[in-house]
Amino acid sequence: MAKQFWLMKSEPDVYSYDDLVAEGEGTWDGVRNYSAANNLRTMTIGDEAFFYHSNIGLEIVAIITISQEHFIDPSDEKARFVAVKVKPSRKLKQPVTLKAIKANPDLADMVMLRQSRLSVAPVRATEWKEILKMAGE
């Protein structure tokens, strides 16, 4: 199966990329939107995701790797939602802001723009490459 790409949002004052680096491996839990949870279920080990700082910053700051496929979210008392494990990969050379993403016509169809409240969204390979280019990579 081909590697998939994702965008995962977190509020940096709650859980930032630096927090993940300090942990070494983190649990991506607390997702209660069914579409976002279905995206977690689709992830496989080795998939990569952009780490997006939401609310504060509004920018993609890093790349993370899925290290464990979905399992029952330990924070969900009813055991309906799932979580995944993630590991830090690397910070981007320069963050890519939401404003820059919105201004790029090659990214106009990104799921994160069409469904802005979705905390876990797929990213097409062409979008992935474009964002890396925008980050100076």
C-alpha atoms as a PDB file:
ATOM      1  CA  MET A   1       0.000   0.000   0.000  1.00  0.00           C
ATOM      2  CA  ALA A   2       1.342   3.445  -0.915  1.00  0.00           C
ATOM      3  CA  LYS A   3       2.297   5.895   1.793  1.00  0.00           C
ATOM      4  CA  GLN A   4      -0.465   8.325   2.647  1.00  0.00           C
ATOM      5  CA  PHE A   5      -0.093  11.925   3.743  1.00  0.00           C
ATOM      6  CA  TRP A   6      -2.101  13.774   6.377  1.00  0.00           C
ATOM      7  CA  LEU A   7      -2.484  17.044   8.212  1.00  0.00           C
ATOM      8  CA  MET A   8      -3.050  16.853  11.971  1.00  0.00           C
ATOM      9  CA  LYS A   9      -4.031  19.921  13.964  1.00  0.00           C
ATOM     10  CA  SER A  10      -3.225  20.666  17.575  1.00  0.00           C
ATOM     11  CA  GLU A  11      -3.408  23.815  19.638  1.00  0.00           C
ATOM     12  CA  PRO A  12       0.229  24.529  20.541  1.00  0.00           C
ATOM     13  CA  ASP A  13      -0.659  25.763  24.026  1.00  0.00           C
ATOM     14  CA  VAL A  14      -2.263  22.348  24.660  1.00  0.00           C
ATOM     15  CA  TYR A  15       0.113  20.039  22.729  1.00  0.00           C
ATOM     16  CA  SER A  16       2.819  21.416  20.463  1.00  0.00           C
ATOM     17  CA  TYR A  17       5.377  19.826  18.197  1.00  0.00           C
ATOM     18  CA  ASP A  18       8.004  20.559  20.856  1.00  0.00           C
ATOM     19  CA  ASP A  19       5.878  18.613  23.368  1.00  0.00           C
ATOM     20  CA  LEU A  20       5.908  15.640  20.993  1.00  0.00           C
ATOM     21  CA  VAL A  21       9.681  15.907  20.574  1.00  0.00           C
ATOM     22  CA  ALA A  22      10.086  15.929  24.369  1.00  0.00           C
ATOM     23  CA  GLU A  23       7.951  12.769  24.653  1.00  0.00           C
ATOM     24  CA  GLY A  24       9.607  10.961  21.750  1.00  0.00           C
ATOM     25  CA  GLU A  25       6.299   9.314  20.852  1.00  0.00           C
ATOM     26  CA  GLY A  26       2.813  10.615  21.522  1.00  0.00           C
ATOM     27  CA  THR A  27      -0.768   9.428  21.429  1.00  0.00           C
ATOM     28  CA  TRP A  28      -2.992  11.401  19.052  1.00  0.00           C
ATOM     29  CA  ASP A  29      -6.234  11.143  20.991  1.00  0.00           C
ATOM     30  CA  GLY A  30      -9.291  13.195  21.833  1.00  0.00           C
ATOM     31  CA  VAL A  31     -10.604  13.261  18.259  1.00  0.00           C
ATOM     32  CA  ARG A  32     -14.412  13.261  18.439  1.00  0.00           C
ATOM     33  CA  ASN A  33     -15.359  14.149  14.872  1.00  0.00           C
ATOM     34  CA  TYR A  34     -16.410  11.044  12.910  1.00  0.00           C
ATOM     35  CA  SER A  35     -14.731  12.121   9.666  1.00  0.00           C
ATOM     36  CA  ALA A  36     -11.459  12.867  11.463  1.00  0.00           C
ATOM     37  CA  ALA A  37     -11.720   9.579  13.380  1.00  0.00           C
ATOM     38  CA  ASN A  38     -12.256   7.702  10.118  1.00  0.00           C
ATOM     39  CA  ASN A  39      -9.065   9.330   8.824  1.00  0.00           C
ATOM     40  CA  LEU A  40      -7.232   8.000  11.901  1.00  0.00           C
ATOM     41  CA  ARG A  41      -8.582   4.517  11.110  1.00  0.00           C
ATOM     42  CA  THR A  42      -7.153   4.756   7.585  1.00  0.00           C
ATOM     43  CA  MET A  43      -3.610   5.585   8.707  1.00  0.00           C
ATOM     44  CA  THR A  44      -0.872   2.985   8.486  1.00  0.00           C
ATOM     45  CA  ILE A  45       2.565   2.789  10.083  1.00  0.00           C
ATOM     46  CA  GLY A  46       4.994   4.952   8.141  1.00  0.00           C
ATOM     47  CA  ASP A  47       2.403   7.412   6.852  1.00  0.00           C
ATOM     48  CA  GLU A  48       3.499  11.008   7.309  1.00  0.00           C
ATOM     49  CA  ALA A  49       1.560  13.999   8.533  1.00  0.00           C
ATOM     50  CA  PHE A  50       2.071  17.712   8.725  1.00  0.00           C
ATOM     51  CA  PHE A  51       1.871  18.966  12.314  1.00  0.00           C
ATOM     52  CA  TYR A  52      -0.302  22.088  12.182  1.00  0.00           C
ATOM     53  CA  HIS A  53      -0.464  24.521  15.083  1.00  0.00           C
ATOM     54  CA  SER A  54      -4.078  25.685  15.210  1.00  0.00           C
ATOM     55  CA  ASN A  55      -5.592  28.709  16.964  1.00  0.00           C
ATOM     56  CA  ILE A  56      -2.162  30.107  17.905  1.00  0.00           C
ATOM     57  CA  GLY A  57       0.191  30.353  14.962  1.00  0.00           C
ATOM     58  CA  LEU A  58      -2.073  28.904  12.282  1.00  0.00           C
ATOM     59  CA  GLU A  59       0.835  27.240  10.517  1.00  0.00           C
ATOM     60  CA  ILE A  60       2.354  23.922   9.531  1.00  0.00           C
ATOM     61  CA  VAL A  61       5.510  23.591  11.606  1.00  0.00           C
ATOM     62  CA  ALA A  62       6.741  20.009  11.249  1.00  0.00           C
ATOM     63  CA  ILE A  63       6.387  16.505   9.901  1.00  0.00           C
ATOM     64  CA  ILE A  64       5.413  13.551  12.073  1.00  0.00           C
ATOM     65  CA  THR A  65       5.237   9.832  11.332  1.00  0.00           C
ATOM     66  CA  ILE A  66       2.499   7.378  12.255  1.00  0.00           C
ATOM     67  CA  SER A  67       4.157   4.812  14.525  1.00  0.00           C
ATOM     68  CA  GLN A  68       1.141   2.726  15.574  1.00  0.00           C
ATOM     69  CA  GLU A  69      -2.123   2.177  13.755  1.00  0.00           C
ATOM     70  CA  HIS A  70      -5.461   2.943  15.350  1.00  0.00           C
ATOM     71  CA  PHE A  71      -6.563   1.573  18.696  1.00  0.00           C
ATOM     72  CA  ILE A  72      -9.378   2.479  21.066  1.00  0.00           C
ATOM     73  CA  ASP A  73      -8.809   6.008  22.344  1.00  0.00           C
ATOM     74  CA  PRO A  74      -7.951   5.695  26.045  1.00  0.00           C
ATOM     75  CA  SER A  75      -9.660   9.053  26.700  1.00  0.00           C
ATOM     76  CA  ASP A  76     -12.995   7.799  25.291  1.00  0.00           C
ATOM     77  CA  GLU A  77     -15.045   6.206  28.073  1.00  0.00           C
ATOM     78  CA  LYS A  78     -17.534   4.762  25.563  1.00  0.00           C
ATOM     79  CA  ALA A  79     -14.771   3.237  23.382  1.00  0.00           C
ATOM     80  CA  ARG A  80     -16.260   4.593  20.132  1.00  0.00           C
ATOM     81  CA  PHE A  81     -13.303   6.645  18.936  1.00  0.00           C
ATOM     82  CA  VAL A  82      -9.743   5.743  18.070  1.00  0.00           C
ATOM     83  CA  ALA A  83      -6.259   7.161  18.514  1.00  0.00           C
ATOM     84  CA  VAL A  84      -2.907   6.564  16.821  1.00  0.00           C
ATOM     85  CA  LYS A  85       0.690   6.852  17.980  1.00  0.00           C
ATOM     86  CA  VAL A  86       2.965   9.394  16.300  1.00  0.00           C
ATOM     87  CA  LYS A  87       6.666  10.194  16.393  1.00  0.00           C
ATOM     88  CA  PRO A  88       8.374  13.453  15.508  1.00  0.00           C
ATOM     89  CA  SER A  89      10.236  13.458  12.219  1.00  0.00           C
ATOM     90  CA  ARG A  90      11.517  17.004  11.727  1.00  0.00           C
ATOM     91  CA  LYS A  91      10.653  20.676  11.860  1.00  0.00           C
ATOM     92  CA  LEU A  92      10.155  22.374   8.529  1.00  0.00           C
ATOM     93  CA  LYS A  93      12.879  24.800   7.440  1.00  0.00           C
ATOM     94  CA  GLN A  94      10.253  27.516   7.688  1.00  0.00           C
ATOM     95  CA  PRO A  95       6.627  27.256   8.841  1.00  0.00           C
ATOM     96  CA  VAL A  96       3.897  27.452   6.198  1.00  0.00           C
ATOM     97  CA  THR A  97       1.079  29.706   7.313  1.00  0.00           C
ATOM     98  CA  LEU A  98      -2.602  29.239   6.671  1.00  0.00           C
ATOM     99  CA  LYS A  99      -2.555  32.580   4.878  1.00  0.00           C
ATOM    100  CA  ALA A 100       0.136  31.311   2.479  1.00  0.00           C
ATOM    101  CA  ILE A 101      -1.771  28.065   1.895  1.00  0.00           C
ATOM    102  CA  LYS A 102      -4.964  29.981   1.079  1.00  0.00           C
ATOM    103  CA  ALA A 103      -3.038  32.243  -1.311  1.00  0.00           C
ATOM    104  CA  ASN A 104      -1.583  29.326  -3.293  1.00  0.00           C
ATOM    105  CA  PRO A 105      -3.927  28.305  -6.151  1.00  0.00           C
ATOM    106  CA  ASP A 106      -2.302  24.842  -6.286  1.00  0.00           C
ATOM    107  CA  LEU A 107      -3.695  24.210  -2.794  1.00  0.00           C
ATOM    108  CA  ALA A 108      -7.220  25.555  -3.346  1.00  0.00           C
ATOM    109  CA  ASP A 109      -8.792  22.087  -3.121  1.00  0.00           C
ATOM    110  CA  MET A 110      -7.061  20.980   0.093  1.00  0.00           C
ATOM    111  CA  VAL A 111      -9.431  19.248   2.471  1.00  0.00           C
ATOM    112  CA  MET A 112      -8.172  21.449   5.326  1.00  0.00           C
ATOM    113  CA  LEU A 113      -9.498  24.500   3.456  1.00  0.00           C
ATOM    114  CA  ARG A 114     -12.822  22.954   2.442  1.00  0.00           C
ATOM    115  CA  GLN A 115     -13.445  21.424   5.888  1.00  0.00           C
ATOM    116  CA  SER A 116     -11.595  23.851   8.123  1.00  0.00           C
ATOM    117  CA  ARG A 117     -12.854  22.386  11.404  1.00  0.00           C
ATOM    118  CA  LEU A 118     -11.548  18.903  10.577  1.00  0.00           C
ATOM    119  CA  SER A 119      -8.600  18.162  12.887  1.00  0.00           C
ATOM    120  CA  VAL A 120      -7.236  15.210  10.885  1.00  0.00           C
ATOM    121  CA  ALA A 121      -7.365  15.567   7.107  1.00  0.00           C
ATOM    122  CA  PRO A 122      -5.836  13.800   4.112  1.00  0.00           C
ATOM    123  CA  VAL A 123      -3.260  15.604   1.986  1.00  0.00           C
ATOM    124  CA  ARG A 124      -2.716  14.682  -1.676  1.00  0.00           C
ATOM    125  CA  ALA A 125       0.861  13.864  -2.748  1.00  0.00           C
ATOM    126  CA  THR A 126       0.914  16.940  -5.022  1.00  0.00           C
ATOM    127  CA  GLU A 127      -0.212  19.153  -2.115  1.00  0.00           C
ATOM    128  CA  TRP A 128       2.423  17.586   0.136  1.00  0.00           C
ATOM    129  CA  LYS A 129       5.171  18.429  -2.368  1.00  0.00           C
ATOM    130  CA  GLU A 130       3.870  21.980  -2.830  1.00  0.00           C
ATOM    131  CA  ILE A 131       3.846  22.647   0.919  1.00  0.00           C
ATOM    132  CA  LEU A 132       7.374  21.267   1.256  1.00  0.00           C
ATOM    133  CA  LYS A 133       8.431  23.632  -1.534  1.00  0.00           C
ATOM    134  CA  MET A 134       6.764  26.530   0.289  1.00  0.00           C
ATOM    135  CA  ALA A 135       8.705  25.541   3.418  1.00  0.00           C
ATOM    136  CA  GLY A 136      11.975  25.858   1.529  1.00  0.00           C
ATOM    137  CA  GLU A 137      12.604  22.142   1.227  1.00  0.00           C
END
